[in-house]
Amino acid sequence: DSLVPSVIKFVLIAPQAARVSLVGDFNGWDQNATPVQRQADGTWATFVELPPGRHVYSFVLDGKVFMNDPAAPIVPNDFGEKNSVVIVKGATS
């Protein structure tokens, strides 16, 4: 048995943003690694395959404004800021 990744949908309501990226412990906090796509309704969405476990992340608006996911729990980070967290349940194949 091995742990199977799950595809997680990340959504942010930010119609004022020109560009949104998803950063987190799963992509080295790289703003270029996971761009988020603008949807017709003004929301932003992307799908990321994540292994089971706890993942900390944030959205970045226009390359400079970090924004937490209002739909996710918030945890403090090592820099005195706050990040969103998603728990991916472990599944076995």
N, C-alpha and C. Protein backbone atom coordinates (compact mmCIF):
# COMPACT_ATOMS: atom_id res chain seq x y z
N ASP A 1 0.84 -1.20 0.00
CA ASP A 1 0.00 0.00 0.00
C ASP A 1 0.87 1.25 0.00
N SER A 2 0.47 2.22 -0.80
CA SER A 2 1.18 3.49 -0.80
C SER A 2 0.17 4.62 -0.70
N LEU A 3 0.63 5.74 -0.23
CA LEU A 3 -0.27 6.89 -0.09
C LEU A 3 -0.52 7.49 -1.46
N VAL A 4 -1.77 7.76 -1.74
CA VAL A 4 -2.18 8.28 -3.04
C VAL A 4 -2.45 9.78 -2.93
N PRO A 5 -1.86 10.58 -3.82
CA PRO A 5 -2.14 12.02 -3.79
C PRO A 5 -3.61 12.29 -4.11
N SER A 6 -4.09 13.41 -3.64
CA SER A 6 -5.45 13.86 -3.95
C SER A 6 -5.35 15.17 -4.72
N VAL A 7 -6.30 15.39 -5.61
CA VAL A 7 -6.37 16.66 -6.33
C VAL A 7 -7.25 17.60 -5.52
N ILE A 8 -6.67 18.72 -5.12
CA ILE A 8 -7.35 19.69 -4.28
C ILE A 8 -7.64 20.94 -5.11
N LYS A 9 -8.87 21.44 -5.01
CA LYS A 9 -9.24 22.67 -5.72
C LYS A 9 -9.07 23.85 -4.77
N PHE A 10 -8.33 24.84 -5.21
CA PHE A 10 -8.14 26.08 -4.46
C PHE A 10 -8.89 27.18 -5.18
N VAL A 11 -9.72 27.93 -4.44
CA VAL A 11 -10.53 29.00 -5.04
C VAL A 11 -10.38 30.26 -4.19
N LEU A 12 -10.27 31.40 -4.87
CA LEU A 12 -10.20 32.68 -4.18
C LEU A 12 -11.10 33.67 -4.90
N ILE A 13 -11.87 34.42 -4.13
CA ILE A 13 -12.68 35.50 -4.70
C ILE A 13 -11.86 36.77 -4.61
N ALA A 14 -11.36 37.23 -5.75
CA ALA A 14 -10.53 38.44 -5.79
C ALA A 14 -10.67 39.09 -7.17
N PRO A 15 -11.87 39.63 -7.47
CA PRO A 15 -12.08 40.19 -8.81
C PRO A 15 -11.18 41.38 -9.12
N GLN A 16 -10.64 42.02 -8.07
CA GLN A 16 -9.79 43.19 -8.28
C GLN A 16 -8.38 42.83 -8.72
N ALA A 17 -7.99 41.57 -8.56
CA ALA A 17 -6.61 41.16 -8.85
C ALA A 17 -6.40 41.01 -10.36
N ALA A 18 -5.22 41.38 -10.81
CA ALA A 18 -4.84 41.18 -12.21
C ALA A 18 -4.20 39.81 -12.39
N ARG A 19 -3.61 39.29 -11.29
CA ARG A 19 -2.92 38.02 -11.37
C ARG A 19 -2.88 37.40 -9.96
N VAL A 20 -3.04 36.10 -9.90
CA VAL A 20 -3.03 35.39 -8.62
C VAL A 20 -2.16 34.14 -8.77
N SER A 21 -1.36 33.87 -7.76
CA SER A 21 -0.61 32.61 -7.73
C SER A 21 -0.83 31.95 -6.38
N LEU A 22 -0.59 30.65 -6.35
CA LEU A 22 -0.73 29.86 -5.13
C LEU A 22 0.66 29.46 -4.69
N VAL A 23 1.01 29.78 -3.46
CA VAL A 23 2.32 29.41 -2.93
C VAL A 23 2.12 28.58 -1.67
N GLY A 24 3.08 27.69 -1.40
CA GLY A 24 2.95 26.88 -0.20
C GLY A 24 4.13 25.96 -0.03
N ASP A 25 4.05 25.15 1.03
CA ASP A 25 5.13 24.21 1.31
C ASP A 25 5.24 23.14 0.23
N PHE A 26 4.23 23.02 -0.62
CA PHE A 26 4.23 22.01 -1.69
C PHE A 26 4.91 22.50 -2.96
N ASN A 27 5.20 23.80 -3.08
CA ASN A 27 5.89 24.29 -4.28
C ASN A 27 7.04 25.24 -3.94
N GLY A 28 7.56 25.12 -2.73
CA GLY A 28 8.71 25.92 -2.32
C GLY A 28 8.39 27.41 -2.21
N TRP A 29 7.12 27.75 -2.03
CA TRP A 29 6.68 29.14 -1.92
C TRP A 29 7.08 29.95 -3.15
N ASP A 30 7.10 29.28 -4.29
CA ASP A 30 7.51 29.89 -5.57
C ASP A 30 6.29 30.50 -6.25
N GLN A 31 6.31 31.82 -6.41
CA GLN A 31 5.17 32.52 -7.00
C GLN A 31 4.94 32.17 -8.47
N ASN A 32 5.93 31.59 -9.12
CA ASN A 32 5.78 31.22 -10.53
C ASN A 32 5.36 29.77 -10.72
N ALA A 33 5.36 28.99 -9.64
CA ALA A 33 5.13 27.55 -9.77
C ALA A 33 3.67 27.18 -10.03
N THR A 34 2.74 27.90 -9.42
CA THR A 34 1.33 27.52 -9.50
C THR A 34 0.45 28.74 -9.77
N PRO A 35 0.39 29.18 -11.03
CA PRO A 35 -0.51 30.29 -11.34
C PRO A 35 -1.97 29.85 -11.19
N VAL A 36 -2.82 30.78 -10.79
CA VAL A 36 -4.24 30.50 -10.60
C VAL A 36 -4.99 31.17 -11.75
N GLN A 37 -5.98 30.48 -12.29
CA GLN A 37 -6.70 30.97 -13.47
C GLN A 37 -7.94 31.77 -13.08
N ARG A 38 -8.11 32.93 -13.74
CA ARG A 38 -9.32 33.73 -13.52
C ARG A 38 -10.50 33.00 -14.17
N GLN A 39 -11.60 32.93 -13.43
CA GLN A 39 -12.82 32.31 -13.92
C GLN A 39 -13.78 33.40 -14.41
N ALA A 40 -14.78 33.01 -15.17
CA ALA A 40 -15.72 33.97 -15.74
C ALA A 40 -16.46 34.78 -14.67
N ASP A 41 -16.64 34.21 -13.49
CA ASP A 41 -17.39 34.90 -12.43
C ASP A 41 -16.52 35.79 -11.55
N GLY A 42 -15.25 35.98 -11.92
CA GLY A 42 -14.36 36.84 -11.14
C GLY A 42 -13.60 36.13 -10.05
N THR A 43 -13.89 34.85 -9.84
CA THR A 43 -13.10 34.08 -8.87
C THR A 43 -11.85 33.55 -9.57
N TRP A 44 -10.94 33.05 -8.78
CA TRP A 44 -9.70 32.45 -9.28
C TRP A 44 -9.67 31.01 -8.79
N ALA A 45 -9.23 30.08 -9.64
CA ALA A 45 -9.23 28.67 -9.23
C ALA A 45 -8.08 27.91 -9.88
N THR A 46 -7.59 26.92 -9.15
CA THR A 46 -6.59 26.01 -9.69
C THR A 46 -6.72 24.68 -8.97
N PHE A 47 -6.19 23.65 -9.59
CA PHE A 47 -6.19 22.31 -9.00
C PHE A 47 -4.74 21.89 -8.78
N VAL A 48 -4.45 21.35 -7.59
CA VAL A 48 -3.10 20.92 -7.27
C VAL A 48 -3.17 19.50 -6.69
N GLU A 49 -2.30 18.64 -7.19
CA GLU A 49 -2.21 17.29 -6.65
C GLU A 49 -1.28 17.31 -5.45
N LEU A 50 -1.81 16.94 -4.29
CA LEU A 50 -1.03 16.99 -3.05
C LEU A 50 -1.01 15.62 -2.38
N PRO A 51 0.14 15.27 -1.81
CA PRO A 51 0.20 14.02 -1.05
C PRO A 51 -0.55 14.18 0.27
N PRO A 52 -0.96 13.08 0.88
CA PRO A 52 -1.64 13.17 2.17
C PRO A 52 -0.77 13.89 3.20
N GLY A 53 -1.43 14.62 4.08
CA GLY A 53 -0.74 15.34 5.13
C GLY A 53 -1.23 16.76 5.26
N ARG A 54 -0.51 17.54 6.05
CA ARG A 54 -0.87 18.93 6.32
C ARG A 54 -0.03 19.83 5.43
N HIS A 55 -0.69 20.71 4.70
CA HIS A 55 -0.01 21.62 3.79
C HIS A 55 -0.39 23.06 4.12
N VAL A 56 0.62 23.91 4.20
CA VAL A 56 0.43 25.33 4.52
C VAL A 56 0.60 26.12 3.22
N TYR A 57 -0.28 27.11 3.02
CA TYR A 57 -0.25 27.84 1.75
C TYR A 57 -0.84 29.25 1.90
N SER A 58 -0.69 30.01 0.83
CA SER A 58 -1.27 31.35 0.74
C SER A 58 -1.47 31.68 -0.73
N PHE A 59 -2.35 32.63 -0.99
CA PHE A 59 -2.47 33.17 -2.34
C PHE A 59 -1.62 34.44 -2.40
N VAL A 60 -1.08 34.75 -3.60
CA VAL A 60 -0.36 36.00 -3.80
C VAL A 60 -1.06 36.76 -4.92
N LEU A 61 -1.51 37.97 -4.61
CA LEU A 61 -2.20 38.80 -5.58
C LEU A 61 -1.23 39.79 -6.18
N ASP A 62 -1.21 39.84 -7.50
CA ASP A 62 -0.41 40.79 -8.26
C ASP A 62 1.07 40.78 -7.86
N GLY A 63 1.55 39.62 -7.44
CA GLY A 63 2.97 39.45 -7.14
C GLY A 63 3.44 40.07 -5.84
N LYS A 64 2.53 40.65 -5.04
CA LYS A 64 3.01 41.31 -3.83
C LYS A 64 2.13 41.18 -2.60
N VAL A 65 0.83 40.99 -2.77
CA VAL A 65 -0.07 40.94 -1.62
C VAL A 65 -0.39 39.50 -1.27
N PHE A 66 0.05 39.07 -0.08
CA PHE A 66 -0.27 37.72 0.38
C PHE A 66 -1.66 37.73 0.99
N MET A 67 -2.47 36.75 0.63
CA MET A 67 -3.85 36.68 1.12
C MET A 67 -4.18 35.27 1.53
N ASN A 68 -4.74 35.13 2.73
CA ASN A 68 -5.15 33.81 3.19
C ASN A 68 -6.42 33.37 2.48
N ASP A 69 -6.64 32.08 2.49
CA ASP A 69 -7.85 31.49 1.92
C ASP A 69 -8.95 31.62 2.96
N PRO A 70 -10.01 32.42 2.68
CA PRO A 70 -11.07 32.59 3.67
C PRO A 70 -11.85 31.32 3.95
N ALA A 71 -11.71 30.31 3.09
CA ALA A 71 -12.45 29.06 3.27
C ALA A 71 -11.64 28.02 4.04
N ALA A 72 -10.43 28.38 4.49
CA ALA A 72 -9.56 27.39 5.14
C ALA A 72 -9.16 27.85 6.54
N PRO A 73 -8.78 26.90 7.39
CA PRO A 73 -8.25 27.27 8.71
C PRO A 73 -6.96 28.08 8.55
N ILE A 74 -6.68 28.93 9.52
CA ILE A 74 -5.49 29.80 9.51
C ILE A 74 -4.56 29.37 10.64
N VAL A 75 -3.26 29.31 10.32
CA VAL A 75 -2.26 28.95 11.32
C VAL A 75 -1.13 29.99 11.29
N PRO A 76 -0.52 30.28 12.44
CA PRO A 76 0.62 31.20 12.43
C PRO A 76 1.84 30.52 11.81
N ASN A 77 2.70 31.32 11.17
CA ASN A 77 3.94 30.76 10.62
C ASN A 77 5.13 31.27 11.42
N ASP A 78 6.33 30.89 11.00
CA ASP A 78 7.54 31.23 11.74
C ASP A 78 7.92 32.70 11.65
N PHE A 79 7.23 33.46 10.80
CA PHE A 79 7.59 34.86 10.57
C PHE A 79 6.59 35.82 11.21
N GLY A 80 5.70 35.30 12.05
CA GLY A 80 4.72 36.15 12.71
C GLY A 80 3.53 36.49 11.82
N GLU A 81 3.47 35.88 10.66
CA GLU A 81 2.34 36.07 9.75
C GLU A 81 1.39 34.88 9.93
N LYS A 82 0.36 34.85 9.13
CA LYS A 82 -0.56 33.72 9.16
C LYS A 82 -0.69 33.13 7.77
N ASN A 83 -0.90 31.81 7.73
CA ASN A 83 -1.09 31.10 6.46
C ASN A 83 -2.33 30.24 6.57
N SER A 84 -2.82 29.83 5.42
CA SER A 84 -3.93 28.88 5.37
C SER A 84 -3.37 27.47 5.44
N VAL A 85 -4.22 26.54 5.86
CA VAL A 85 -3.78 25.14 5.94
C VAL A 85 -4.86 24.23 5.36
N VAL A 86 -4.41 23.21 4.65
CA VAL A 86 -5.31 22.20 4.13
C VAL A 86 -4.77 20.84 4.58
N ILE A 87 -5.69 19.99 5.02
CA ILE A 87 -5.32 18.64 5.43
C ILE A 87 -5.81 17.68 4.34
N VAL A 88 -4.87 16.95 3.74
CA VAL A 88 -5.23 15.97 2.71
C VAL A 88 -5.27 14.61 3.39
N LYS A 89 -6.44 14.01 3.34
CA LYS A 89 -6.61 12.69 3.97
C LYS A 89 -5.79 11.65 3.24
N GLY A 90 -5.25 10.71 4.00
CA GLY A 90 -4.46 9.65 3.41
C GLY A 90 -5.34 8.55 2.84
N ALA A 91 -5.05 8.17 1.62
CA ALA A 91 -5.77 7.05 1.00
C ALA A 91 -4.73 6.02 0.57
N THR A 92 -5.11 4.79 0.64
CA THR A 92 -4.17 3.74 0.22
C THR A 92 -4.67 3.11 -1.06
N SER A 93 -3.74 2.67 -1.87
CA SER A 93 -4.15 2.06 -3.14
C SER A 93 -3.99 0.56 -3.06
